[in-house]
Amino acid sequence: MVDFIGFMAAICTTLAFVPQALKTIDTRDTASISLWMYVIFTMGVLLWLVYGLAIDNWPIIVANFVTFALSATILWFKIKHK
């Protein structure tokens, strides 16, 4: 039951992030995005991923792997188009 709750939370938080990522990838517009917010956010997500790997918790691993990939992509666009 605990893993189910973890997976549901992971699905909700990751899916909430997808529209912004897709819009940024599509338009390449990062003008309204804070560089430092995305640097800190991406680092935080990476640390959550490492934590999930360390404790072998699949909901944390899967959610943060996907979110890290999307966040890192947005961060890359932000830096590239600065």
N, C-alpha and C. Protein backbone atom coordinates (compact mmCIF):
# COMPACT_ATOMS: atom_id res chain seq x y z
N MET A 1 0.82 -1.20 0.00
CA MET A 1 0.00 0.00 0.00
C MET A 1 0.86 1.27 0.00
N VAL A 2 1.96 1.22 0.74
CA VAL A 2 2.84 2.39 0.81
C VAL A 2 3.47 2.67 -0.55
N ASP A 3 3.90 1.62 -1.26
CA ASP A 3 4.47 1.81 -2.60
C ASP A 3 3.42 2.36 -3.56
N PHE A 4 2.17 1.92 -3.43
CA PHE A 4 1.10 2.42 -4.28
C PHE A 4 0.93 3.93 -4.08
N ILE A 5 0.92 4.36 -2.84
CA ILE A 5 0.80 5.79 -2.54
C ILE A 5 2.00 6.54 -3.11
N GLY A 6 3.18 5.97 -2.96
CA GLY A 6 4.40 6.58 -3.51
C GLY A 6 4.33 6.69 -5.03
N PHE A 7 3.88 5.65 -5.70
CA PHE A 7 3.76 5.71 -7.16
C PHE A 7 2.71 6.71 -7.60
N MET A 8 1.60 6.79 -6.90
CA MET A 8 0.56 7.77 -7.25
C MET A 8 1.07 9.20 -7.07
N ALA A 9 1.79 9.44 -5.98
CA ALA A 9 2.38 10.77 -5.77
C ALA A 9 3.39 11.08 -6.87
N ALA A 10 4.20 10.10 -7.22
CA ALA A 10 5.20 10.27 -8.27
C ALA A 10 4.55 10.59 -9.61
N ILE A 11 3.48 9.89 -9.93
CA ILE A 11 2.78 10.12 -11.19
C ILE A 11 2.20 11.54 -11.22
N CYS A 12 1.57 11.95 -10.13
CA CYS A 12 0.95 13.29 -10.08
C CYS A 12 1.99 14.40 -10.22
N THR A 13 3.07 14.32 -9.46
CA THR A 13 4.06 15.40 -9.50
C THR A 13 4.83 15.42 -10.82
N THR A 14 5.10 14.26 -11.37
CA THR A 14 5.82 14.21 -12.64
C THR A 14 4.92 14.68 -13.78
N LEU A 15 3.68 14.22 -13.81
CA LEU A 15 2.76 14.64 -14.87
C LEU A 15 2.48 16.14 -14.81
N ALA A 16 2.47 16.70 -13.62
CA ALA A 16 2.24 18.15 -13.50
C ALA A 16 3.36 18.95 -14.15
N PHE A 17 4.54 18.38 -14.21
CA PHE A 17 5.71 19.05 -14.76
C PHE A 17 5.79 18.93 -16.29
N VAL A 18 5.17 17.91 -16.86
CA VAL A 18 5.29 17.61 -18.28
C VAL A 18 4.81 18.75 -19.19
N PRO A 19 3.63 19.37 -18.96
CA PRO A 19 3.20 20.43 -19.88
C PRO A 19 4.20 21.59 -20.01
N GLN A 20 4.78 22.02 -18.89
CA GLN A 20 5.76 23.10 -18.95
C GLN A 20 6.99 22.67 -19.74
N ALA A 21 7.43 21.45 -19.50
CA ALA A 21 8.60 20.95 -20.21
C ALA A 21 8.34 20.88 -21.71
N LEU A 22 7.18 20.34 -22.10
CA LEU A 22 6.85 20.23 -23.52
C LEU A 22 6.73 21.61 -24.17
N LYS A 23 6.12 22.56 -23.46
CA LYS A 23 5.98 23.91 -24.01
C LYS A 23 7.36 24.55 -24.21
N THR A 24 8.24 24.38 -23.24
CA THR A 24 9.58 24.95 -23.34
C THR A 24 10.36 24.30 -24.48
N ILE A 25 10.26 23.00 -24.60
CA ILE A 25 10.95 22.29 -25.67
C ILE A 25 10.41 22.73 -27.03
N ASP A 26 9.10 22.90 -27.12
CA ASP A 26 8.46 23.28 -28.38
C ASP A 26 8.80 24.72 -28.78
N THR A 27 8.70 25.65 -27.84
CA THR A 27 8.87 27.08 -28.17
C THR A 27 10.30 27.57 -27.98
N ARG A 28 11.09 26.87 -27.18
CA ARG A 28 12.45 27.29 -26.83
C ARG A 28 12.44 28.61 -26.03
N ASP A 29 11.26 29.02 -25.56
CA ASP A 29 11.12 30.27 -24.82
C ASP A 29 11.35 30.03 -23.33
N THR A 30 12.44 30.58 -22.84
CA THR A 30 12.76 30.45 -21.42
C THR A 30 12.90 31.81 -20.74
N ALA A 31 12.43 32.85 -21.38
CA ALA A 31 12.60 34.21 -20.86
C ALA A 31 11.99 34.39 -19.47
N SER A 32 10.87 33.78 -19.22
CA SER A 32 10.19 33.98 -17.94
C SER A 32 10.60 32.95 -16.88
N ILE A 33 11.58 32.14 -17.18
CA ILE A 33 12.03 31.11 -16.25
C ILE A 33 13.28 31.60 -15.52
N SER A 34 13.28 31.46 -14.22
CA SER A 34 14.43 31.86 -13.41
C SER A 34 15.55 30.83 -13.54
N LEU A 35 16.72 31.29 -13.95
CA LEU A 35 17.87 30.39 -14.10
C LEU A 35 18.23 29.74 -12.77
N TRP A 36 18.34 30.54 -11.72
CA TRP A 36 18.76 29.98 -10.42
C TRP A 36 17.71 29.04 -9.84
N MET A 37 16.45 29.31 -10.07
CA MET A 37 15.41 28.40 -9.61
C MET A 37 15.59 27.04 -10.27
N TYR A 38 15.85 27.04 -11.59
CA TYR A 38 16.01 25.77 -12.29
C TYR A 38 17.31 25.06 -11.95
N VAL A 39 18.37 25.80 -11.68
CA VAL A 39 19.62 25.18 -11.24
C VAL A 39 19.39 24.46 -9.91
N ILE A 40 18.78 25.16 -8.96
CA ILE A 40 18.54 24.58 -7.63
C ILE A 40 17.53 23.43 -7.72
N PHE A 41 16.46 23.63 -8.49
CA PHE A 41 15.44 22.59 -8.63
C PHE A 41 16.02 21.33 -9.25
N THR A 42 16.78 21.49 -10.33
CA THR A 42 17.37 20.34 -11.01
C THR A 42 18.34 19.60 -10.10
N MET A 43 19.13 20.35 -9.34
CA MET A 43 20.05 19.72 -8.39
C MET A 43 19.28 18.96 -7.31
N GLY A 44 18.19 19.56 -6.82
CA GLY A 44 17.36 18.89 -5.82
C GLY A 44 16.76 17.60 -6.35
N VAL A 45 16.27 17.62 -7.57
CA VAL A 45 15.70 16.42 -8.18
C VAL A 45 16.77 15.35 -8.36
N LEU A 46 17.96 15.77 -8.78
CA LEU A 46 19.07 14.82 -8.91
C LEU A 46 19.41 14.18 -7.57
N LEU A 47 19.42 14.98 -6.51
CA LEU A 47 19.69 14.44 -5.18
C LEU A 47 18.59 13.49 -4.72
N TRP A 48 17.32 13.79 -5.03
CA TRP A 48 16.23 12.86 -4.73
C TRP A 48 16.42 11.55 -5.48
N LEU A 49 16.87 11.64 -6.73
CA LEU A 49 17.12 10.43 -7.51
C LEU A 49 18.23 9.59 -6.87
N VAL A 50 19.30 10.23 -6.49
CA VAL A 50 20.41 9.53 -5.82
C VAL A 50 19.92 8.90 -4.52
N TYR A 51 19.12 9.64 -3.77
CA TYR A 51 18.55 9.12 -2.52
C TYR A 51 17.68 7.89 -2.79
N GLY A 52 16.82 7.98 -3.81
CA GLY A 52 15.97 6.85 -4.16
C GLY A 52 16.79 5.63 -4.54
N LEU A 53 17.87 5.85 -5.28
CA LEU A 53 18.76 4.73 -5.63
C LEU A 53 19.43 4.15 -4.38
N ALA A 54 19.83 5.02 -3.47
CA ALA A 54 20.52 4.56 -2.25
C ALA A 54 19.62 3.70 -1.37
N ILE A 55 18.32 4.03 -1.33
CA ILE A 55 17.41 3.25 -0.48
C ILE A 55 16.59 2.25 -1.29
N ASP A 56 16.87 2.18 -2.61
CA ASP A 56 16.20 1.24 -3.51
C ASP A 56 14.68 1.41 -3.46
N ASN A 57 14.21 2.66 -3.64
CA ASN A 57 12.79 2.96 -3.59
C ASN A 57 12.33 3.36 -4.99
N TRP A 58 11.61 2.44 -5.66
CA TRP A 58 11.26 2.63 -7.06
C TRP A 58 10.36 3.83 -7.33
N PRO A 59 9.38 4.14 -6.49
CA PRO A 59 8.61 5.36 -6.78
C PRO A 59 9.48 6.62 -6.82
N ILE A 60 10.42 6.73 -5.90
CA ILE A 60 11.31 7.89 -5.87
C ILE A 60 12.25 7.86 -7.08
N ILE A 61 12.76 6.70 -7.42
CA ILE A 61 13.69 6.57 -8.54
C ILE A 61 13.01 6.96 -9.85
N VAL A 62 11.87 6.36 -10.14
CA VAL A 62 11.20 6.59 -11.42
C VAL A 62 10.76 8.04 -11.56
N ALA A 63 10.10 8.56 -10.54
CA ALA A 63 9.60 9.94 -10.61
C ALA A 63 10.73 10.93 -10.80
N ASN A 64 11.80 10.76 -10.05
CA ASN A 64 12.88 11.73 -10.12
C ASN A 64 13.77 11.54 -11.35
N PHE A 65 13.82 10.34 -11.89
CA PHE A 65 14.54 10.15 -13.15
C PHE A 65 13.85 10.92 -14.27
N VAL A 66 12.53 10.76 -14.37
CA VAL A 66 11.77 11.45 -15.42
C VAL A 66 11.82 12.96 -15.20
N THR A 67 11.57 13.40 -13.97
CA THR A 67 11.57 14.82 -13.68
C THR A 67 12.95 15.43 -13.89
N PHE A 68 14.01 14.71 -13.53
CA PHE A 68 15.36 15.21 -13.76
C PHE A 68 15.62 15.39 -15.26
N ALA A 69 15.21 14.42 -16.06
CA ALA A 69 15.43 14.53 -17.51
C ALA A 69 14.71 15.75 -18.07
N LEU A 70 13.46 15.96 -17.66
CA LEU A 70 12.70 17.12 -18.15
C LEU A 70 13.29 18.43 -17.63
N SER A 71 13.62 18.47 -16.36
CA SER A 71 14.16 19.68 -15.75
C SER A 71 15.52 20.03 -16.35
N ALA A 72 16.36 19.03 -16.54
CA ALA A 72 17.68 19.27 -17.12
C ALA A 72 17.55 19.79 -18.56
N THR A 73 16.55 19.31 -19.28
CA THR A 73 16.31 19.78 -20.65
C THR A 73 15.93 21.26 -20.64
N ILE A 74 15.01 21.62 -19.76
CA ILE A 74 14.61 23.03 -19.65
C ILE A 74 15.80 23.89 -19.23
N LEU A 75 16.58 23.42 -18.28
CA LEU A 75 17.76 24.15 -17.82
C LEU A 75 18.76 24.33 -18.97
N TRP A 76 18.94 23.30 -19.76
CA TRP A 76 19.84 23.38 -20.92
C TRP A 76 19.37 24.45 -21.90
N PHE A 77 18.06 24.46 -22.18
CA PHE A 77 17.51 25.50 -23.07
C PHE A 77 17.70 26.89 -22.46
N LYS A 78 17.49 27.00 -21.16
CA LYS A 78 17.64 28.29 -20.49
C LYS A 78 19.08 28.80 -20.65
N ILE A 79 20.04 27.95 -20.42
CA ILE A 79 21.45 28.34 -20.52
C ILE A 79 21.82 28.60 -21.99
N LYS A 80 21.36 27.76 -22.89
CA LYS A 80 21.69 27.90 -24.31
C LYS A 80 21.11 29.18 -24.91
N HIS A 81 19.90 29.56 -24.51
CA HIS A 81 19.21 30.70 -25.11
C HIS A 81 19.26 31.94 -24.23
N LYS A 82 20.21 31.98 -23.32
CA LYS A 82 20.33 33.11 -22.41
C LYS A 82 20.85 34.34 -23.13
